[in-house]
Protein backbone atom coordinates (compact mmCIF):
# COMPACT_ATOMS: atom_id res chain seq x y z
CA MET A 1 22.45 6.05 -20.86
CA SER A 2 24.78 8.88 -21.96
CA GLU A 3 23.47 12.00 -23.74
CA GLU A 4 25.29 11.01 -26.83
CA VAL A 5 23.73 7.69 -27.43
CA LEU A 6 19.95 9.08 -26.47
CA SER A 7 20.21 11.73 -28.46
CA LEU A 8 21.32 9.09 -31.70
CA GLU A 9 18.86 6.75 -30.49
CA THR A 10 16.03 9.61 -30.66
CA GLU A 11 17.13 10.54 -34.32
CA LEU A 12 16.90 7.25 -35.81
CA PHE A 13 13.57 6.34 -33.85
CA PRO A 14 11.66 9.64 -33.42
CA GLU A 15 8.71 8.09 -31.34
CA MET A 16 11.39 7.50 -28.33
CA ALA A 17 11.70 11.43 -28.61
CA GLN A 18 7.92 11.24 -28.21
CA GLU A 19 7.58 9.07 -25.76
CA ALA A 20 10.66 10.72 -23.58
CA SER A 21 8.91 13.57 -23.70
CA SER A 22 5.42 13.20 -23.22
CA ILE A 23 6.02 13.07 -19.20
CA SER A 24 8.56 15.50 -17.74
CA GLY A 25 9.81 16.82 -14.29
CA THR A 26 10.14 14.76 -11.27
CA GLY A 27 7.62 12.59 -9.14
CA ILE A 28 4.81 10.38 -8.94
CA LEU A 29 2.17 9.83 -11.93
CA ALA A 30 -1.14 11.17 -11.62
CA SER A 31 -3.81 9.43 -12.84
CA GLN A 32 -4.27 10.93 -16.50
CA GLN A 33 -0.33 9.68 -16.98
CA ILE A 34 -1.32 6.51 -16.09
CA ARG A 35 -3.98 6.22 -18.86
CA GLU A 36 -1.18 7.92 -20.83
CA LEU A 37 1.42 4.84 -20.20
CA LEU A 38 -1.85 2.86 -20.80
CA GLU A 39 -1.94 3.89 -24.18
CA ARG A 40 1.43 3.67 -25.32
CA GLN A 41 1.40 0.04 -23.65
CA GLN A 42 4.66 0.63 -21.03
CA VAL A 43 1.97 -1.24 -18.59
CA PHE A 44 0.34 -4.27 -20.47
CA THR A 45 -1.26 -7.89 -19.71
CA ARG A 46 -1.88 -11.20 -21.16
CA VAL A 47 -5.76 -10.95 -20.78
CA SER A 48 -7.54 -10.05 -23.78
CA GLU A 49 -10.11 -7.75 -21.98
CA GLY A 50 -6.94 -5.35 -20.70
CA ILE A 51 -6.69 -3.24 -17.89
CA ALA A 52 -9.93 -1.48 -16.50
CA GLU A 53 -10.59 1.85 -15.46
CA ALA A 54 -11.43 0.66 -11.93
CA GLN A 55 -7.58 -0.27 -11.66
CA ILE A 56 -6.57 3.44 -11.99
CA GLN A 57 -6.43 5.10 -9.07
CA PRO A 58 -5.21 8.50 -8.12
CA ALA A 59 -1.89 7.96 -7.80
CA SER A 60 -0.92 4.02 -8.52
CA LEU A 61 -2.02 1.21 -10.49
CA ASP A 62 -3.70 -1.69 -8.96
CA LEU A 63 -2.35 -5.46 -9.75
CA ARG A 64 -4.24 -8.18 -10.38
CA LEU A 65 -3.18 -12.19 -9.48
CA GLY A 66 -3.22 -14.37 -12.40
CA THR A 67 -4.87 -17.64 -12.64
CA VAL A 68 -1.82 -19.77 -11.31
CA GLY A 69 -0.25 -19.85 -8.14
CA TYR A 70 2.86 -21.57 -6.40
CA ARG A 71 3.34 -22.43 -2.89
CA VAL A 72 6.97 -22.65 -2.34
CA GLN A 73 9.55 -23.88 0.45
CA ALA A 74 10.52 -19.84 1.70
CA SER A 75 10.42 -16.21 0.53
CA PHE A 76 13.35 -15.02 -2.03
CA LEU A 77 14.61 -12.51 -3.73
CA PRO A 78 15.56 -13.65 -7.42
CA GLY A 79 19.23 -11.89 -7.42
CA GLN A 80 20.31 -10.32 -10.26
CA SER A 81 21.52 -13.35 -11.88
CA SER A 82 17.63 -15.06 -12.04
CA THR A 83 14.23 -14.95 -12.86
CA VAL A 84 11.73 -15.35 -10.68
CA GLU A 85 10.09 -18.73 -12.20
CA GLU A 86 13.95 -20.39 -12.13
CA ARG A 87 13.39 -19.71 -8.62
CA ILE A 88 9.94 -21.33 -8.20
CA LYS A 89 11.13 -24.25 -10.15
CA ASP A 90 13.94 -24.88 -7.50
CA LEU A 91 11.58 -24.14 -4.15
CA GLN A 92 8.05 -24.93 -5.92
CA MET A 93 6.20 -27.61 -3.24
CA VAL A 94 2.12 -27.35 -4.96
CA ARG A 95 0.69 -25.55 -7.65
CA VAL A 96 -2.56 -23.63 -6.74
CA ASP A 97 -5.41 -23.13 -9.83
CA LEU A 98 -6.58 -19.35 -9.08
CA THR A 99 -9.50 -19.82 -12.17
CA ARG A 100 -12.11 -21.05 -9.05
CA ALA A 101 -12.05 -20.33 -5.45
CA ALA A 102 -8.44 -21.37 -3.67
CA VAL A 103 -7.38 -21.68 -0.36
CA LEU A 104 -3.76 -19.50 0.57
CA GLU A 105 -3.10 -21.60 4.01
CA LYS A 106 -1.68 -19.29 7.00
CA GLY A 107 1.91 -19.10 7.60
CA CYS A 108 2.90 -20.38 4.01
CA VAL A 109 4.58 -18.53 1.11
CA TYR A 110 2.65 -18.41 -2.16
CA ILE A 111 3.97 -16.64 -5.51
CA ILE A 112 1.49 -15.60 -8.01
CA PRO A 113 2.37 -14.41 -11.16
CA LEU A 114 0.23 -11.33 -11.77
CA LEU A 115 -1.40 -10.46 -15.00
CA GLU A 116 0.38 -7.09 -15.71
CA GLU A 117 3.58 -6.45 -16.98
CA LEU A 118 5.97 -3.61 -17.56
CA LYS A 119 7.57 -2.02 -20.22
CA LEU A 120 8.96 1.07 -18.63
CA PRO A 121 11.03 3.69 -20.21
CA GLU A 122 14.42 5.16 -18.86
CA GLY A 123 14.14 7.49 -16.26
CA MET A 124 11.23 6.16 -14.86
CA SER A 125 10.90 3.91 -12.07
CA ALA A 126 8.43 1.79 -10.17
CA LYS A 127 6.95 1.22 -6.53
CA ALA A 128 4.89 -0.84 -5.02
CA ASN A 129 2.75 -1.62 -1.89
CA PRO A 130 -0.41 -3.61 -0.52
CA LYS A 131 -3.86 -2.46 -0.86
CA SER A 132 -5.43 -1.13 2.40
CA THR A 133 -8.02 -4.22 2.76
CA THR A 134 -4.78 -6.44 2.24
CA GLY A 135 -3.01 -4.44 5.23
CA ARG A 136 -5.92 -4.81 7.55
CA LEU A 137 -6.43 -8.62 6.99
CA ASP A 138 -2.45 -9.00 8.24
CA ILE A 139 -2.05 -10.80 4.61
CA PHE A 140 1.78 -9.67 4.30
CA THR A 141 1.78 -8.77 -0.03
CA ARG A 142 5.15 -7.71 -1.40
CA LEU A 143 5.80 -7.07 -5.27
CA ILE A 144 8.72 -8.83 -6.69
CA ALA A 145 9.83 -8.37 -10.31
CA ASP A 146 13.07 -10.92 -12.39
CA TYR A 147 16.78 -10.34 -11.66
CA GLY A 148 15.66 -7.88 -8.51
CA THR A 149 17.48 -7.44 -5.40
CA GLU A 150 14.59 -5.30 -3.06
CA PHE A 151 11.06 -5.94 -2.83
CA GLU A 152 8.01 -3.87 -3.79
CA ARG A 153 10.74 -2.23 -6.40
CA VAL A 154 10.64 -1.68 -9.78
CA PRO A 155 14.02 -0.33 -11.72
CA ALA A 156 14.30 2.21 -14.45
CA GLY A 157 13.34 0.31 -17.51
CA TYR A 158 13.09 -2.69 -16.59
CA ARG A 159 10.59 -4.65 -19.43
CA GLY A 160 9.10 -8.10 -17.76
CA LYS A 161 6.49 -9.79 -16.12
CA LEU A 162 5.37 -9.22 -12.10
CA TYR A 163 4.61 -11.13 -9.17
CA ALA A 164 3.47 -10.91 -5.28
CA GLU A 165 4.60 -13.19 -2.67
CA ILE A 166 1.41 -13.56 -0.38
CA VAL A 167 1.66 -14.97 3.40
CA PRO A 168 -1.48 -15.15 4.91
CA ARG A 169 -0.35 -14.29 8.49
CA THR A 170 -3.14 -14.44 10.87
CA PHE A 171 -6.15 -15.76 8.65
CA THR A 172 -6.57 -18.40 6.15
CA VAL A 173 -7.84 -16.68 3.20
CA ILE A 174 -9.30 -17.55 -0.08
CA VAL A 175 -8.60 -15.67 -3.52
CA ARG A 176 -9.50 -15.90 -7.10
CA SER A 177 -7.54 -14.99 -10.59
CA GLY A 178 -8.18 -11.11 -11.31
CA MET A 179 -8.48 -10.02 -7.50
CA ARG A 180 -6.14 -7.02 -6.42
CA LEU A 181 -4.30 -6.96 -3.83
CA ASN A 182 -1.60 -4.90 -4.50
CA GLN A 183 -1.00 -1.54 -6.30
CA ILE A 184 1.86 0.10 -8.32
CA ARG A 185 2.84 3.71 -8.55
CA PHE A 186 5.03 5.31 -11.29
CA ILE A 187 8.14 7.24 -10.43
CA LYS A 188 9.85 10.14 -12.90
CA GLY A 189 13.25 10.52 -11.89
CA LYS A 190 14.64 10.29 -8.20
CA PRO A 191 11.97 12.86 -6.18
CA ARG A 192 13.73 13.48 -2.89
CA PHE A 193 11.88 13.67 0.20
CA HIS A 194 11.98 17.66 2.55
CA ASP A 195 10.67 18.58 6.04
CA SER A 196 10.29 21.60 4.26
CA VAL A 197 8.24 20.29 1.95
CA ILE A 198 5.53 19.25 5.06
CA THR A 199 5.98 22.30 7.08
CA ALA A 200 5.20 24.48 4.13
CA LEU A 201 2.13 22.17 3.14
CA ASP A 202 1.09 22.48 6.92
CA GLU A 203 1.48 26.30 6.82
CA GLU A 204 -0.64 26.14 3.67
CA LYS A 205 -3.77 23.21 3.72
CA ASN A 206 -3.36 22.19 7.21
CA LEU A 207 -2.64 18.89 6.90
CA VAL A 208 -3.36 17.36 11.03
CA TYR A 209 -6.68 18.14 12.89
CA LEU A 210 -7.65 16.61 15.94
CA ASP A 211 -11.38 16.91 15.57
CA GLU A 212 -13.28 18.04 12.17
CA ASP A 213 -12.63 21.65 13.81
CA SER A 214 -9.17 21.70 15.53
CA PRO A 215 -6.69 21.99 13.13
CA VAL A 216 -2.78 21.72 14.57
CA LYS A 217 0.58 22.45 13.52
CA ALA A 218 2.02 19.17 12.49
CA GLN A 219 4.83 17.75 14.38
CA VAL A 220 7.58 17.38 11.31
CA ASP A 221 10.79 15.35 12.23
CA SER A 222 12.32 13.42 9.20
CA GLY A 223 8.26 13.15 8.31
CA LEU A 224 4.84 14.25 9.82
CA ARG A 225 4.94 12.25 13.64
CA ILE A 226 2.19 10.21 14.28
CA SER A 227 0.76 9.08 17.77
CA VAL A 228 -1.51 6.47 18.23
CA ASN A 229 -5.18 6.99 19.70
CA LEU A 230 -6.07 4.57 22.90
CA GLN A 231 -8.76 6.77 24.61
CA GLY A 232 -12.30 7.13 22.87
CA SER A 233 -14.39 10.11 22.83
CA GLU A 234 -17.01 7.90 24.62
CA PRO A 235 -16.95 4.25 27.19
CA SER A 236 -18.24 2.39 23.77
CA GLU A 237 -16.18 3.42 21.41
CA ILE A 238 -13.29 0.22 20.38
CA VAL A 239 -9.99 1.83 20.16
CA ALA A 240 -8.16 -1.34 19.25
CA TYR A 241 -9.15 -5.02 17.74
CA LYS A 242 -7.18 -7.59 18.31
CA ALA A 243 -7.19 -10.41 15.87
CA LYS A 244 -8.33 -14.33 17.07
CA ARG A 245 -5.93 -17.16 16.77
CA ASN A 246 -7.67 -19.82 14.88
CA ALA A 247 -10.80 -17.99 13.03
CA PRO A 248 -12.22 -19.18 10.07
CA ALA A 249 -11.22 -18.54 6.62
CA VAL A 250 -12.15 -15.00 4.83
CA ASP A 251 -13.02 -14.80 1.28
CA LEU A 252 -11.90 -11.92 -0.08
CA GLU A 253 -14.66 -11.74 -2.62
CA LYS A 254 -17.23 -11.55 0.16
CA ILE A 255 -17.90 -7.89 1.41
CA GLY A 256 -19.76 -6.79 4.43
CA HIS A 257 -20.38 -10.66 4.95
CA TYR A 258 -18.37 -11.75 8.09
CA ASP A 259 -19.02 -10.96 11.86
CA PRO A 260 -16.34 -9.46 13.56
CA GLU A 261 -16.78 -10.62 17.30
CA GLU A 262 -16.15 -14.63 14.90
CA PHE A 263 -12.58 -13.29 14.11
CA TRP A 264 -11.76 -10.00 16.57
CA ASP A 265 -11.13 -8.82 20.38
CA ALA A 266 -12.65 -4.81 20.37
CA LYS A 267 -11.04 -3.19 22.81
CA SER A 268 -13.36 0.21 24.13
CA ARG A 269 -10.71 0.24 27.46
CA ILE A 270 -7.43 0.48 27.87
CA SER A 271 -5.78 0.61 31.07
CA ASP A 272 -4.47 4.19 31.70
CA LYS A 273 -0.91 2.01 31.86
CA GLY A 274 -1.32 1.54 27.59
CA LEU A 275 -1.81 -1.29 25.69
CA ILE A 276 0.35 -4.26 26.06
CA LEU A 277 1.35 -5.68 22.21
CA ASP A 278 1.67 -9.59 22.54
CA PRO A 279 4.08 -10.87 20.34
CA GLY A 280 3.26 -12.92 16.89
CA ASP A 281 -0.57 -11.37 17.64
CA PHE A 282 -2.06 -8.48 15.44
CA TYR A 283 -3.57 -5.25 16.22
CA ILE A 284 -5.84 -2.96 14.29
CA LEU A 285 -5.60 0.80 15.96
CA ALA A 286 -5.99 4.21 14.50
CA SER A 287 -3.75 7.19 15.17
CA LYS A 288 -4.56 10.47 17.37
CA GLU A 289 -4.22 12.51 14.76
CA ARG A 290 -6.92 13.08 11.57
CA ILE A 291 -4.29 12.84 8.34
CA ARG A 292 -4.80 15.23 5.38
CA VAL A 293 -3.11 14.89 1.89
CA PRO A 294 -3.75 17.01 -0.77
CA PRO A 295 -4.80 16.40 -4.39
CA ASP A 296 -1.42 17.01 -5.36
CA HIS A 297 0.74 15.22 -3.43
CA ALA A 298 0.94 11.83 -1.70
CA ALA A 299 1.82 9.97 1.34
CA GLU A 300 3.61 7.62 2.47
CA MET A 301 3.85 5.70 5.96
CA VAL A 302 7.71 5.43 7.12
CA PRO A 303 8.27 1.88 8.80
CA ILE A 304 8.96 2.36 12.51
CA ASP A 305 12.33 3.09 13.30
CA PRO A 306 13.77 0.78 16.20
CA SER A 307 14.28 3.26 18.79
CA ILE A 308 11.34 4.31 18.96
CA GLY A 309 9.80 0.64 20.06
CA GLU A 310 9.61 -3.03 19.35
CA PHE A 311 6.71 -3.23 17.63
CA ARG A 312 5.87 -2.37 13.34
CA ILE A 313 2.91 -0.63 11.86
CA HIS A 314 2.96 -1.32 8.74
CA TYR A 315 1.85 -3.01 5.10
CA ALA A 316 -0.35 -0.71 3.18
CA GLY A 317 1.49 2.19 4.03
CA PHE A 318 0.52 4.10 1.18
CA PHE A 319 -2.02 7.24 1.40
CA ASP A 320 -3.49 8.72 -1.96
CA PRO A 321 -4.09 12.19 -3.08
CA GLY A 322 -7.89 13.57 -1.42
CA PHE A 323 -6.94 10.84 1.58
CA GLY A 324 -8.79 13.14 4.30
CA TYR A 325 -9.09 15.90 2.05
CA GLY A 326 -11.33 15.59 -0.75
CA SER A 327 -12.04 18.49 -2.18
CA SER A 328 -10.82 20.42 0.85
CA ASP A 329 -14.09 19.70 2.63
CA ILE A 330 -12.90 16.89 4.59
CA LYS A 331 -11.16 17.63 8.15
CA GLY A 332 -8.75 15.09 8.16
CA THR A 333 -9.22 11.20 8.60
CA ARG A 334 -7.59 8.54 10.88
CA ALA A 335 -4.95 6.40 10.00
CA VAL A 336 -5.60 2.72 10.83
CA LEU A 337 -1.92 1.32 11.81
CA GLU A 338 -1.61 -2.77 11.54
CA VAL A 339 0.62 -3.35 14.20
CA ARG A 340 2.73 -6.52 15.58
CA ALA A 341 5.09 -6.47 18.37
CA HIS A 342 8.42 -8.25 17.74
CA GLU A 343 10.14 -11.18 20.21
CA VAL A 344 8.52 -9.43 23.51
CA PRO A 345 5.52 -7.66 24.95
CA PHE A 346 5.51 -4.02 24.83
CA LEU A 347 3.43 -1.70 25.72
CA ILE A 348 2.22 1.03 23.88
CA GLU A 349 0.25 4.85 25.59
CA HIS A 350 -2.14 6.75 24.00
CA GLY A 351 -0.41 9.80 22.09
CA GLN A 352 2.87 7.38 21.58
CA ILE A 353 4.92 7.96 18.45
CA VAL A 354 4.45 5.23 16.03
CA GLY A 355 5.59 6.34 12.93
CA ARG A 356 6.48 9.10 10.30
CA LEU A 357 4.37 10.18 7.21
CA THR A 358 6.53 11.59 4.00
CA TYR A 359 4.74 14.01 1.60
CA MET A 360 5.47 13.48 -1.81
CA ARG A 361 4.75 15.80 -5.13
CA LEU A 362 2.62 14.20 -8.47
CA LEU A 363 3.25 15.54 -11.72
CA ALA A 364 -0.22 16.90 -12.31
CA GLU A 365 -2.82 17.10 -10.15
CA PRO A 366 -4.87 13.58 -10.94
CA ASP A 367 -8.39 13.59 -12.46
CA LYS A 368 -9.56 11.77 -10.14
CA ILE A 369 -9.10 11.86 -6.32
CA TYR A 370 -9.57 9.18 -3.54
CA GLY A 371 -13.11 9.20 -2.15
CA LEU A 372 -16.32 7.54 -2.63
CA ASN A 373 -16.62 8.78 -5.84
CA ILE A 374 -14.24 6.52 -7.16
CA GLY A 375 -15.36 3.38 -4.51
CA SER A 376 -12.51 3.98 -1.92
CA SER A 377 -13.88 2.11 1.40
CA TYR A 378 -11.55 4.32 3.99
CA GLN A 379 -12.30 8.06 3.60
CA ARG A 380 -14.20 8.68 6.67
CA GLN A 381 -12.92 6.00 8.82
CA SER A 382 -12.48 6.29 12.30
CA LEU A 383 -11.06 2.56 13.35
CA THR A 384 -12.81 0.68 10.09
CA LEU A 385 -11.90 -3.08 9.44
CA SER A 386 -10.85 -4.17 6.01
CA LYS A 387 -14.74 -4.11 4.26
CA GLN A 388 -15.16 -7.78 4.43
CA PHE A 389 -16.49 -7.37 7.72
CA LYS A 390 -20.32 -6.21 8.74
CA ARG A 391 -19.95 -2.39 9.87
């Protein structure tokens, strides 16, 4: 939209000028700014109870599953000339009622309309990612928008419905309407990532610790380098979980309920040669580094570079403001890595680089930060399974 047209529209409709000037700058919106979007009904819902405060995270908004879902023949993007509903009509196999407990079968593709919809202002886009628990259960979850050409991204000025593509890959899962499997963050302008930002942050805040008393200099190269931990501080410490095939279904509503031994092979001793990742199997590992994200920044794990290895760390790659930092009272938290090998067995070794973390500035310091006071489950984690399993 040209500056002349925008100027004319704001003269005719003064509320547009107020809307445009209320959140200024370039970066990710903080929790209190997300509330402002809700008050202006730029994010809204189709259910009478509206959006709960518990959905508002430090730099994102949790999205909820709607009341119906569809098993479809294949994953898809609607493309520039189609809505998601039109694609569903072409590919639908089974309609799923989510007003009661619904089983999503392992290996099947489901599209579920979300309760939240968007009416974004010009100059503001959005990006989604699975929540941590979703990733640790190997539930492949991606956001789709009408006329979309990319997963997880919503273009500036978008007005319309949102959908989740859900593919349980390791466990069959039981879900219900209102459950929160993914989250969305709102982005003003087009913020750029620079290594110099991480380097300056590290000098000021100490972004990396190897233990609670030992800060180390961040290794920065197209992001903060993250390596894998395969050596416990004591012989009994678990350093890897490998998901069992043909395990029972997991009801996402049940917290601290399941015995890990039914679902996972725990590994406390790894050969000096390293860990061989078997193709198609799912692993939970942890970073060697203890990571910190100051409250005025967020971070995101960059997908693995194919030149580093034939595997991928994936899924829940977003780190909230305050992760491993708190109010500067936490000396870092290990990043949990959800890992899957590609086509061939692949050997990874202790300390091997497996990913990069990029840091992004928030438009303001949020009025809530990551931690137990907002219900965060993994602030002081070591190697931790999803919250459905007994600790």
